[in-house]
Amino acid sequence: MLRLCTRCEQGCPAGDLKQGRCADCRREHERERNVSNPRRRVRNLSKWQRTRELVKRRDGFACVDCGATKQLEIHHKIKLRFVANPYEMENLETLCISCHRKKDRLVVA
């Protein structure tokens, strides 16, 4: 069965469509989103992936707040839009998902 891609309107196998777009249109959409939002672009670079691993290693692969070792994320102490260097390790810390959400709520409130 073929369905139309919502973006290019070409017939694609139904199993290949995700969110109504073919693979080529999804890639193009991601490129456009990355250009319009530089913070997304930073997080997609291999330099960011290496920095994340270094921060996790520095923090002992555990949450710095509760000590959890599962579902770890990297948190910017100072928001990414306010720093000149997004890869500055002094601004980064390892947090589990629940602690990350708590800290983000504290900043917003």
C-alpha atoms as a PDB file:
ATOM      1  CA  MET A   1       0.000   0.000   0.000  1.00  0.00           C
ATOM      2  CA  LEU A   2       1.310   3.439  -0.888  1.00  0.00           C
ATOM      3  CA  ARG A   3       0.474   6.602   1.014  1.00  0.00           C
ATOM      4  CA  LEU A   4       1.364  10.139   0.104  1.00  0.00           C
ATOM      5  CA  CYS A   5       4.073  11.920   2.040  1.00  0.00           C
ATOM      6  CA  THR A   6       2.520  15.039   3.576  1.00  0.00           C
ATOM      7  CA  ARG A   7       5.486  17.121   2.487  1.00  0.00           C
ATOM      8  CA  CYS A   8       6.546  16.007  -0.998  1.00  0.00           C
ATOM      9  CA  GLU A   9       3.297  14.207  -1.843  1.00  0.00           C
ATOM     10  CA  GLN A  10       5.144  11.268  -3.409  1.00  0.00           C
ATOM     11  CA  GLY A  11       3.856   7.760  -2.916  1.00  0.00           C
ATOM     12  CA  CYS A  12       5.899   5.902  -0.307  1.00  0.00           C
ATOM     13  CA  PRO A  13       5.403   2.438   1.228  1.00  0.00           C
ATOM     14  CA  ALA A  14       3.119   2.843   4.236  1.00  0.00           C
ATOM     15  CA  GLY A  15       5.684   1.291   6.571  1.00  0.00           C
ATOM     16  CA  ASP A  16       8.296   3.892   5.571  1.00  0.00           C
ATOM     17  CA  LEU A  17       6.187   6.884   6.582  1.00  0.00           C
ATOM     18  CA  LYS A  18       6.666   8.232  10.093  1.00  0.00           C
ATOM     19  CA  GLN A  19       4.712  11.270  11.151  1.00  0.00           C
ATOM     20  CA  GLY A  20       3.359  11.362   7.596  1.00  0.00           C
ATOM     21  CA  ARG A  21       6.762  12.071   6.021  1.00  0.00           C
ATOM     22  CA  CYS A  22       9.111   9.944   3.946  1.00  0.00           C
ATOM     23  CA  ALA A  23      12.723   9.460   5.120  1.00  0.00           C
ATOM     24  CA  ASP A  24      14.104  12.179   2.819  1.00  0.00           C
ATOM     25  CA  CYS A  25      11.536  14.714   3.991  1.00  0.00           C
ATOM     26  CA  ARG A  26      12.170  13.821   7.662  1.00  0.00           C
ATOM     27  CA  ARG A  27      15.913  14.474   7.195  1.00  0.00           C
ATOM     28  CA  GLU A  28      15.206  17.788   5.473  1.00  0.00           C
ATOM     29  CA  HIS A  29      12.791  18.763   8.251  1.00  0.00           C
ATOM     30  CA  GLU A  30      15.454  17.995  10.901  1.00  0.00           C
ATOM     31  CA  ARG A  31      18.004  20.132   9.012  1.00  0.00           C
ATOM     32  CA  GLU A  32      15.565  23.043   8.917  1.00  0.00           C
ATOM     33  CA  ARG A  33      14.832  22.691  12.639  1.00  0.00           C
ATOM     34  CA  ASN A  34      18.548  22.642  13.455  1.00  0.00           C
ATOM     35  CA  VAL A  35      19.202  25.794  11.426  1.00  0.00           C
ATOM     36  CA  SER A  36      16.315  27.642  13.036  1.00  0.00           C
ATOM     37  CA  ASN A  37      17.392  26.614  16.558  1.00  0.00           C
ATOM     38  CA  PRO A  38      21.185  26.645  17.109  1.00  0.00           C
ATOM     39  CA  ARG A  39      20.808  24.940  20.515  1.00  0.00           C
ATOM     40  CA  ARG A  40      19.430  21.818  18.789  1.00  0.00           C
ATOM     41  CA  ARG A  41      22.397  21.874  16.412  1.00  0.00           C
ATOM     42  CA  VAL A  42      24.862  21.915  19.329  1.00  0.00           C
ATOM     43  CA  ARG A  43      23.308  18.828  20.869  1.00  0.00           C
ATOM     44  CA  ASN A  44      23.475  16.884  17.592  1.00  0.00           C
ATOM     45  CA  LEU A  45      27.216  17.339  17.063  1.00  0.00           C
ATOM     46  CA  SER A  46      29.771  14.644  17.824  1.00  0.00           C
ATOM     47  CA  LYS A  47      31.675  17.164  19.983  1.00  0.00           C
ATOM     48  CA  TRP A  48      28.616  17.341  22.268  1.00  0.00           C
ATOM     49  CA  GLN A  49      28.442  13.534  22.447  1.00  0.00           C
ATOM     50  CA  ARG A  50      32.127  13.379  23.505  1.00  0.00           C
ATOM     51  CA  THR A  51      31.628  16.142  26.070  1.00  0.00           C
ATOM     52  CA  ARG A  52      28.625  14.299  27.543  1.00  0.00           C
ATOM     53  CA  GLU A  53      30.702  11.154  27.980  1.00  0.00           C
ATOM     54  CA  LEU A  54      33.532  13.119  29.642  1.00  0.00           C
ATOM     55  CA  VAL A  55      31.092  14.741  32.079  1.00  0.00           C
ATOM     56  CA  LYS A  56      29.527  11.380  32.941  1.00  0.00           C
ATOM     57  CA  ARG A  57      32.984   9.915  33.516  1.00  0.00           C
ATOM     58  CA  ARG A  58      33.986  12.900  35.672  1.00  0.00           C
ATOM     59  CA  ASP A  59      30.839  12.464  37.781  1.00  0.00           C
ATOM     60  CA  GLY A  60      31.398   8.718  38.176  1.00  0.00           C
ATOM     61  CA  PHE A  61      28.479   7.702  35.929  1.00  0.00           C
ATOM     62  CA  ALA A  62      26.051   8.671  38.711  1.00  0.00           C
ATOM     63  CA  CYS A  63      23.613  11.484  39.436  1.00  0.00           C
ATOM     64  CA  VAL A  64      25.386  14.203  41.426  1.00  0.00           C
ATOM     65  CA  ASP A  65      22.215  14.838  43.486  1.00  0.00           C
ATOM     66  CA  CYS A  66      20.869  11.390  44.398  1.00  0.00           C
ATOM     67  CA  GLY A  67      23.558   8.962  43.218  1.00  0.00           C
ATOM     68  CA  ALA A  68      21.326   7.065  40.752  1.00  0.00           C
ATOM     69  CA  THR A  69      23.184   5.255  37.972  1.00  0.00           C
ATOM     70  CA  LYS A  70      20.295   4.683  35.515  1.00  0.00           C
ATOM     71  CA  GLN A  71      18.732   7.051  32.969  1.00  0.00           C
ATOM     72  CA  LEU A  72      21.432   9.715  33.205  1.00  0.00           C
ATOM     73  CA  GLU A  73      21.264  13.059  31.431  1.00  0.00           C
ATOM     74  CA  ILE A  74      23.575  16.052  31.243  1.00  0.00           C
ATOM     75  CA  HIS A  75      22.283  19.287  32.756  1.00  0.00           C
ATOM     76  CA  HIS A  76      23.481  22.814  31.974  1.00  0.00           C
ATOM     77  CA  LYS A  77      23.723  24.691  35.276  1.00  0.00           C
ATOM     78  CA  ILE A  78      23.473  27.968  33.356  1.00  0.00           C
ATOM     79  CA  LYS A  79      21.052  27.738  30.432  1.00  0.00           C
ATOM     80  CA  LEU A  80      22.612  27.068  27.051  1.00  0.00           C
ATOM     81  CA  ARG A  81      21.350  30.320  25.559  1.00  0.00           C
ATOM     82  CA  PHE A  82      23.247  32.352  28.198  1.00  0.00           C
ATOM     83  CA  VAL A  83      26.699  30.773  27.801  1.00  0.00           C
ATOM     84  CA  ALA A  84      29.314  31.487  25.171  1.00  0.00           C
ATOM     85  CA  ASN A  85      30.738  27.957  25.114  1.00  0.00           C
ATOM     86  CA  PRO A  86      28.087  25.201  25.313  1.00  0.00           C
ATOM     87  CA  TYR A  87      30.833  22.584  25.844  1.00  0.00           C
ATOM     88  CA  GLU A  88      32.293  24.156  29.002  1.00  0.00           C
ATOM     89  CA  MET A  89      32.473  21.243  31.441  1.00  0.00           C
ATOM     90  CA  GLU A  90      32.249  23.459  34.544  1.00  0.00           C
ATOM     91  CA  ASN A  91      28.706  24.347  33.473  1.00  0.00           C
ATOM     92  CA  LEU A  92      27.655  20.704  33.054  1.00  0.00           C
ATOM     93  CA  GLU A  93      26.620  18.060  35.562  1.00  0.00           C
ATOM     94  CA  THR A  94      25.226  14.530  35.422  1.00  0.00           C
ATOM     95  CA  LEU A  95      21.668  14.090  36.698  1.00  0.00           C
ATOM     96  CA  CYS A  96      19.106  11.304  36.575  1.00  0.00           C
ATOM     97  CA  ILE A  97      15.838  12.062  34.798  1.00  0.00           C
ATOM     98  CA  SER A  98      13.863  12.846  37.970  1.00  0.00           C
ATOM     99  CA  CYS A  99      16.519  15.188  39.406  1.00  0.00           C
ATOM    100  CA  HIS A 100      16.867  16.868  36.002  1.00  0.00           C
ATOM    101  CA  ARG A 101      13.127  17.552  35.903  1.00  0.00           C
ATOM    102  CA  LYS A 102      13.190  18.912  39.453  1.00  0.00           C
ATOM    103  CA  LYS A 103      16.046  21.297  38.650  1.00  0.00           C
ATOM    104  CA  ASP A 104      14.370  22.462  35.447  1.00  0.00           C
ATOM    105  CA  ARG A 105      11.157  23.165  37.391  1.00  0.00           C
ATOM    106  CA  LEU A 106      13.102  25.172  39.973  1.00  0.00           C
ATOM    107  CA  VAL A 107      14.675  27.315  37.251  1.00  0.00           C
ATOM    108  CA  VAL A 108      11.359  27.984  35.506  1.00  0.00           C
ATOM    109  CA  ALA A 109       9.439  28.827  38.681  1.00  0.00           C
END
